[in-house]
Structures are given as C-alpha cells and as structure tokens.
N, C-alpha and C. Protein backbone atom coordinates (compact mmCIF):
# COMPACT_ATOMS: atom_id res chain seq x y z
N MET A 1 270.57 168.44 -151.57
CA MET A 1 271.76 168.76 -152.69
C MET A 1 273.02 168.04 -152.65
N VAL A 2 273.49 167.69 -153.37
CA VAL A 2 274.52 166.17 -153.78
C VAL A 2 276.51 167.62 -153.73
N PHE A 3 276.98 166.69 -152.77
CA PHE A 3 278.05 167.87 -153.27
C PHE A 3 279.25 166.54 -153.38
N HIS A 4 280.09 166.74 -154.58
CA HIS A 4 281.07 166.41 -155.20
C HIS A 4 282.41 166.45 -154.30
N VAL A 5 283.49 165.50 -154.76
CA VAL A 5 284.42 165.46 -153.94
C VAL A 5 285.08 164.90 -155.18
N TYR A 6 285.97 165.54 -156.31
CA TYR A 6 286.22 165.03 -157.12
C TYR A 6 287.84 164.56 -157.53
N ILE A 7 288.58 164.34 -158.62
CA ILE A 7 290.00 163.89 -158.44
C ILE A 7 290.26 163.91 -160.11
N LEU A 8 291.43 165.36 -160.36
CA LEU A 8 291.36 165.12 -162.04
C LEU A 8 292.71 164.72 -161.98
N ARG A 9 292.66 163.93 -162.98
CA ARG A 9 293.98 163.54 -163.56
C ARG A 9 294.73 164.68 -164.24
N CYS A 10 295.59 165.31 -164.44
CA CYS A 10 296.34 166.55 -165.51
C CYS A 10 297.06 165.68 -166.51
N GLY A 11 297.34 166.48 -167.19
CA GLY A 11 298.44 166.31 -168.32
C GLY A 11 299.46 166.34 -168.58
N ASP A 12 300.26 165.89 -167.50
CA ASP A 12 301.68 166.23 -167.00
C ASP A 12 301.84 164.98 -165.74
N GLY A 13 300.04 164.29 -165.36
CA GLY A 13 300.45 163.64 -164.73
C GLY A 13 299.82 163.78 -163.16
N SER A 14 300.37 164.73 -162.39
CA SER A 14 299.65 164.87 -160.95
C SER A 14 297.92 165.24 -161.21
N TYR A 15 297.92 164.96 -159.45
CA TYR A 15 296.19 165.38 -159.79
C TYR A 15 296.30 166.50 -159.19
N TYR A 16 294.37 166.94 -159.53
CA TYR A 16 294.16 167.53 -158.78
C TYR A 16 292.78 167.64 -157.55
N VAL A 17 292.29 167.78 -156.64
CA VAL A 17 291.43 167.54 -156.00
C VAL A 17 290.56 168.44 -155.49
N GLY A 18 288.95 168.49 -155.98
CA GLY A 18 288.76 169.99 -155.13
C GLY A 18 287.30 168.98 -155.06
N HIS A 19 286.03 170.28 -154.79
CA HIS A 19 284.80 169.68 -154.56
C HIS A 19 283.98 170.14 -154.48
N THR A 20 282.86 170.47 -155.43
CA THR A 20 281.91 171.04 -155.67
C THR A 20 280.31 170.71 -155.88
N GLU A 21 279.59 171.73 -156.17
CA GLU A 21 277.94 171.25 -156.37
C GLU A 21 277.62 170.73 -157.18
N ASP A 22 278.60 171.05 -158.23
CA ASP A 22 277.77 170.87 -159.75
C ASP A 22 278.49 170.29 -160.68
N LEU A 23 278.77 169.58 -160.21
CA LEU A 23 280.38 168.75 -161.04
C LEU A 23 280.39 168.93 -162.60
N ALA A 24 279.48 168.62 -163.34
CA ALA A 24 279.19 169.03 -164.93
C ALA A 24 280.14 170.28 -164.83
N HIS A 25 279.26 171.46 -164.61
CA HIS A 25 279.60 172.49 -164.81
C HIS A 25 281.70 172.98 -164.24
N ARG A 26 281.81 172.70 -163.08
CA ARG A 26 283.03 172.63 -162.39
C ARG A 26 284.26 171.85 -163.67
N LEU A 27 283.80 170.72 -164.12
CA LEU A 27 284.63 169.82 -164.76
C LEU A 27 284.75 171.06 -166.08
N ALA A 28 283.88 171.33 -166.79
CA ALA A 28 283.79 172.32 -167.89
C ALA A 28 284.86 173.24 -167.76
N GLU A 29 284.96 174.05 -166.53
CA GLU A 29 285.89 175.14 -165.70
C GLU A 29 287.17 174.71 -166.02
N HIS A 30 287.57 173.70 -165.52
CA HIS A 30 288.41 173.28 -165.55
C HIS A 30 289.28 172.85 -166.50
N ARG A 31 288.41 172.28 -167.97
CA ARG A 31 288.76 171.93 -169.40
C ARG A 31 288.55 173.58 -169.85
N ASP A 32 288.22 174.45 -170.08
CA ASP A 32 288.21 175.31 -170.92
C ASP A 32 289.08 176.38 -169.91
N GLY A 33 289.74 176.48 -168.97
CA GLY A 33 290.42 177.25 -168.58
C GLY A 33 290.02 178.59 -167.40
N THR A 34 288.52 178.05 -167.35
CA THR A 34 288.09 179.82 -166.68
C THR A 34 288.86 180.32 -165.81
N PHE A 35 289.99 179.61 -164.95
CA PHE A 35 290.51 179.88 -163.86
C PHE A 35 292.06 180.68 -164.46
N ALA A 36 292.25 181.32 -165.36
CA ALA A 36 293.98 180.94 -165.99
C ALA A 36 294.38 181.12 -165.05
N GLY A 37 294.75 180.96 -163.85
CA GLY A 37 295.74 180.99 -163.22
C GLY A 37 296.23 180.11 -162.15
N GLY A 38 294.63 178.91 -162.24
CA GLY A 38 294.75 178.17 -161.76
C GLY A 38 294.98 176.41 -161.61
N TYR A 39 295.92 175.79 -161.27
CA TYR A 39 296.17 174.94 -160.93
C TYR A 39 296.29 173.93 -162.61
N THR A 40 295.08 173.67 -162.82
CA THR A 40 294.28 173.00 -164.04
C THR A 40 294.61 173.53 -165.18
N ALA A 41 294.76 174.89 -165.61
CA ALA A 41 294.80 175.45 -166.74
C ALA A 41 296.35 175.03 -167.49
N ALA A 42 296.69 175.24 -166.38
CA ALA A 42 298.57 174.80 -167.04
C ALA A 42 298.63 173.68 -167.56
N ARG A 43 297.65 172.97 -166.86
CA ARG A 43 298.29 171.05 -167.23
C ARG A 43 297.27 170.83 -167.44
N GLN A 44 296.81 171.14 -169.15
CA GLN A 44 295.95 170.39 -169.68
C GLN A 44 296.75 168.95 -170.61
N PRO A 45 295.63 168.54 -171.07
CA PRO A 45 294.34 168.10 -171.30
C PRO A 45 293.74 167.65 -169.96
N VAL A 46 292.80 168.02 -168.80
CA VAL A 46 292.67 167.43 -167.11
C VAL A 46 291.26 166.14 -167.62
N GLU A 47 290.99 165.05 -167.05
CA GLU A 47 289.93 163.83 -167.22
C GLU A 47 289.63 163.94 -165.45
N LEU A 48 288.37 163.39 -165.52
CA LEU A 48 288.03 163.04 -164.43
C LEU A 48 288.44 161.50 -163.77
N ALA A 49 288.91 161.41 -162.88
CA ALA A 49 289.61 159.60 -162.65
C ALA A 49 289.07 159.56 -161.30
N TYR A 50 287.99 160.30 -160.40
CA TYR A 50 287.27 159.67 -159.10
C TYR A 50 286.41 160.76 -158.55
N ASP A 51 285.38 160.75 -158.43
CA ASP A 51 284.12 160.84 -157.69
C ASP A 51 283.33 160.49 -156.68
N CYS A 52 283.29 161.12 -155.73
CA CYS A 52 282.63 160.68 -154.67
C CYS A 52 281.24 161.76 -154.03
N GLU A 53 280.54 161.63 -153.47
CA GLU A 53 278.97 162.28 -153.59
C GLU A 53 278.96 162.57 -151.90
N PHE A 54 278.92 163.43 -151.58
CA PHE A 54 278.31 163.80 -149.75
C PHE A 54 277.09 164.75 -149.68
N ALA A 55 276.02 164.52 -148.78
CA ALA A 55 275.27 165.30 -148.41
C ALA A 55 275.37 166.35 -148.08
N THR A 56 276.67 166.80 -147.58
CA THR A 56 277.02 168.55 -147.09
C THR A 56 278.30 169.07 -147.48
N ARG A 57 277.96 170.46 -147.92
CA ARG A 57 279.46 170.51 -147.93
C ARG A 57 280.53 170.99 -146.85
N ASP A 58 280.21 170.84 -145.87
CA ASP A 58 281.18 170.47 -145.00
C ASP A 58 282.04 168.37 -144.76
N ASP A 59 281.06 168.09 -145.54
CA ASP A 59 281.37 166.63 -145.44
C ASP A 59 282.62 166.61 -146.52
N ALA A 60 281.86 167.35 -147.52
CA ALA A 60 282.55 166.88 -148.76
C ALA A 60 283.81 167.91 -148.68
N PHE A 61 284.09 168.44 -148.00
CA PHE A 61 285.55 169.65 -147.57
C PHE A 61 286.23 169.21 -147.20
N ARG A 62 285.70 168.72 -145.78
CA ARG A 62 286.65 167.41 -145.50
C ARG A 62 287.26 166.81 -145.77
N ARG A 63 286.69 165.67 -146.26
CA ARG A 63 287.04 165.08 -147.36
C ARG A 63 288.39 165.17 -148.32
N GLU A 64 287.70 166.41 -149.08
CA GLU A 64 288.89 167.11 -150.24
C GLU A 64 290.37 167.15 -149.42
N ARG A 65 290.24 168.00 -147.73
CA ARG A 65 291.62 168.27 -147.37
C ARG A 65 291.90 166.88 -146.73
N GLN A 66 291.30 165.91 -146.68
CA GLN A 66 292.09 164.59 -146.66
C GLN A 66 292.84 164.23 -147.85
N PHE A 67 291.88 164.24 -148.77
CA PHE A 67 292.80 163.75 -150.01
C PHE A 67 293.76 164.55 -150.42
N LYS A 68 293.82 165.74 -150.20
CA LYS A 68 294.40 166.71 -150.69
C LYS A 68 296.12 166.57 -150.16
N GLY A 69 296.08 165.82 -148.66
CA GLY A 69 297.44 165.29 -147.90
C GLY A 69 297.52 163.74 -148.12
N TRP A 70 297.03 163.27 -148.89
CA TRP A 70 297.70 162.11 -149.86
C TRP A 70 298.80 161.79 -150.56
N SER A 71 299.64 161.11 -150.48
CA SER A 71 300.74 160.80 -151.43
C SER A 71 299.74 160.56 -152.61
N HIS A 72 300.71 160.72 -154.04
CA HIS A 72 300.14 160.30 -155.21
C HIS A 72 300.10 158.92 -155.37
N ALA A 73 300.94 158.07 -154.84
CA ALA A 73 300.55 156.72 -155.05
C ALA A 73 299.50 156.26 -154.18
N LYS A 74 298.29 156.77 -153.00
CA LYS A 74 297.65 156.38 -152.53
C LYS A 74 296.08 156.99 -153.46
N LYS A 75 296.53 158.18 -153.85
CA LYS A 75 295.25 158.43 -154.54
C LYS A 75 295.24 157.77 -155.97
N GLU A 76 296.28 157.28 -156.65
CA GLU A 76 296.24 156.26 -157.56
C GLU A 76 295.45 155.33 -157.01
N ALA A 77 295.43 154.37 -155.50
CA ALA A 77 294.70 153.89 -155.31
C ALA A 77 293.62 153.54 -155.27
N LEU A 78 293.37 154.55 -154.60
CA LEU A 78 292.22 155.01 -154.86
C LEU A 78 290.86 155.10 -155.51
N ILE A 79 291.86 155.94 -156.80
CA ILE A 79 291.28 155.76 -158.13
C ILE A 79 291.17 154.51 -158.57
N ARG A 80 291.82 153.22 -158.35
CA ARG A 80 291.64 152.33 -158.86
C ARG A 80 290.64 151.55 -158.27
N GLY A 81 290.46 151.57 -156.97
CA GLY A 81 289.38 151.25 -155.82
C GLY A 81 290.44 150.26 -155.30
N ASP A 82 291.99 150.08 -155.09
CA ASP A 82 292.22 149.12 -154.39
C ASP A 82 292.71 149.62 -152.80
N TRP A 83 291.72 149.28 -151.86
CA TRP A 83 291.55 149.36 -150.87
C TRP A 83 292.40 148.78 -149.52
N ALA A 84 292.97 147.77 -149.71
CA ALA A 84 294.00 147.12 -149.19
C ALA A 84 295.15 148.17 -150.05
N GLN A 85 295.35 148.04 -150.84
CA GLN A 85 296.88 149.23 -151.36
C GLN A 85 296.77 150.70 -150.35
N VAL A 86 295.09 151.10 -150.54
CA VAL A 86 295.08 152.63 -149.68
C VAL A 86 295.36 152.17 -148.12
N ARG A 87 294.91 151.11 -147.63
CA ARG A 87 295.15 150.90 -145.93
C ARG A 87 296.71 150.79 -145.71
N GLN A 88 297.78 149.86 -146.98
CA GLN A 88 298.99 149.84 -146.58
C GLN A 88 299.26 151.11 -146.60
N LEU A 89 299.53 152.04 -147.35
CA LEU A 89 299.77 152.88 -148.13
C LEU A 89 299.41 154.03 -146.74
N ALA A 90 298.28 154.21 -145.95
CA ALA A 90 297.82 155.10 -144.80
C ALA A 90 299.00 154.02 -143.54
N ARG A 91 298.97 152.86 -143.44
CA ARG A 91 299.78 152.74 -141.99
C ARG A 91 301.00 152.98 -142.33
N ARG A 92 301.86 153.36 -143.86
CA ARG A 92 302.89 153.94 -143.92
C ARG A 92 303.61 154.93 -143.24
N GLY A 93 301.69 155.80 -143.73
CA GLY A 93 302.16 157.24 -143.99
C GLY A 93 302.22 157.78 -144.97
N SER A 94 301.32 158.60 -145.50
CA SER A 94 301.62 159.39 -146.56
C SER A 94 302.65 160.55 -146.97
N ARG A 95 303.50 160.25 -147.49
CA ARG A 95 304.17 161.54 -147.63
C ARG A 95 303.49 162.54 -148.57
N PRO A 96 304.30 163.88 -148.10
CA PRO A 96 303.46 164.67 -149.25
C PRO A 96 303.62 164.65 -150.51
N SER A 97 302.27 164.52 -151.38
CA SER A 97 302.08 164.24 -152.53
C SER A 97 302.86 165.47 -153.66
N ARG A 98 302.96 164.86 -155.17
CA ARG A 98 302.99 166.01 -155.71
C ARG A 98 302.56 166.99 -156.11
N SER A 99 301.60 166.89 -155.63
CA SER A 99 300.22 168.01 -156.36
C SER A 99 298.71 167.92 -155.25
N SER A 100 298.41 168.42 -154.88
CA SER A 100 296.98 168.80 -154.43
C SER A 100 295.66 167.96 -155.45
C-alpha cells in the first residue's frame, strides 16, 4: 500500500497539508466539502499543489508533521521543486506558517 503526503493550494492562497492512502478520494472530499467544519471547506476552490508517496503511514505522518511546521515560503519552494531555496529557508529557520 502507498501513502501520500499532499499539499493543497486553497482559494485564499493558504496551504493545507495532509496525508492519505487514497489521494483521489481524499481530494474529492476536500473539493465537495465532506468535512463542513474543516479547514478547506471555507477556502474553496482547492487544487493539488504537491504530492509525494511513502511506503508506510508512519513515514507519511512524520513528513506531514514536518511540512505543517514549514513557513508559507518554504512550502512554495518545495512545490516549485526549488531545493536550493528550501535549504536556504531551512538555514534561516522557518517562521510559523500562515496555515497548516
């Protein structure tokens, strides 16, 4: 089984980070507002900005927690695949992000 860590770009410009074993189903839930009180329900539309795969749920969960601690700028660098910028921002230390 494969587990995904994903980043959604929300309509308000913020990012949502999560993990799942069924990315297509989870993305559909975010888009249709399945979780009415959830973060993405009030920030439509959402689009998949980043996805990576892991062999275990524990590995995916650890990476999700790591990404949630990153600044908005560092998440954007990751999404662009700009590893030099990710490293530079890591050296500066990530300030709290605008959103998870």
